[in-house]
Protein backbone atom coordinates (compact mmCIF):
# COMPACT_ATOMS: atom_id res chain seq x y z
CA MET A 1 96.76 92.82 114.68
CA ALA A 2 97.35 91.04 117.96
CA VAL A 3 97.37 92.86 121.30
CA LYS A 4 101.01 91.89 121.83
CA ASP A 5 101.92 94.17 118.89
CA TYR A 6 100.71 97.25 120.83
CA TYR A 7 103.52 96.94 123.40
CA ASN A 8 107.34 96.84 123.39
CA VAL A 9 108.93 94.81 126.18
CA ALA A 10 112.58 95.56 126.89
CA ASP A 11 114.39 94.38 130.03
CA ASP A 12 112.15 95.43 132.94
CA SER A 13 110.08 98.07 131.15
CA ILE A 14 106.95 98.03 129.01
CA GLU A 15 106.29 100.72 126.38
CA ARG A 16 103.12 101.34 124.40
CA THR A 17 103.63 101.59 120.65
CA ARG A 18 100.23 103.19 119.96
CA GLN A 19 98.60 106.28 121.42
CA SER A 20 95.58 105.75 123.67
CA CYS A 21 92.24 107.49 123.18
CA PRO A 22 91.85 110.66 125.29
CA ARG A 23 88.08 110.15 125.59
CA CYS A 24 87.92 106.41 126.33
CA GLY A 25 91.01 106.12 128.49
CA GLU A 26 94.14 104.02 128.74
CA GLY A 27 92.62 100.71 127.60
CA VAL A 28 91.58 101.84 124.10
CA PHE A 29 94.18 102.50 121.40
CA LEU A 30 93.92 104.78 118.38
CA ALA A 31 94.18 103.18 114.94
CA GLU A 32 97.00 104.52 112.77
CA HIS A 33 96.01 105.63 109.28
CA LYS A 34 98.04 107.47 106.66
CA ASP A 35 96.60 110.90 107.46
CA ARG A 36 94.83 110.43 110.81
CA ARG A 37 94.44 108.50 114.08
CA THR A 38 90.97 107.23 114.99
CA CYS A 39 89.23 105.48 117.86
CA GLY A 40 86.99 102.61 116.83
CA LYS A 41 84.97 102.80 120.03
CA CYS A 42 83.90 106.45 120.26
CA GLY A 43 84.85 107.81 116.83
CA TYR A 44 87.45 110.31 118.07
CA THR A 45 89.65 111.46 115.15
CA GLU A 46 92.99 113.25 115.22
CA PHE A 47 94.48 114.44 111.91
CA LYS A 48 98.23 114.25 111.32
CA LYS A 49 100.10 117.31 110.11
């Protein structure tokens, strides 16, 4: 997936489409899986309900 797919650009605003990792900071996004979100850098995992 290209980096441009992580953002939505509309008019004069930019929105992130993915959640960022709470441990690594704003520059690292969490991967979306069926039942969880994970960080590929530090291994942080968040399970969906």
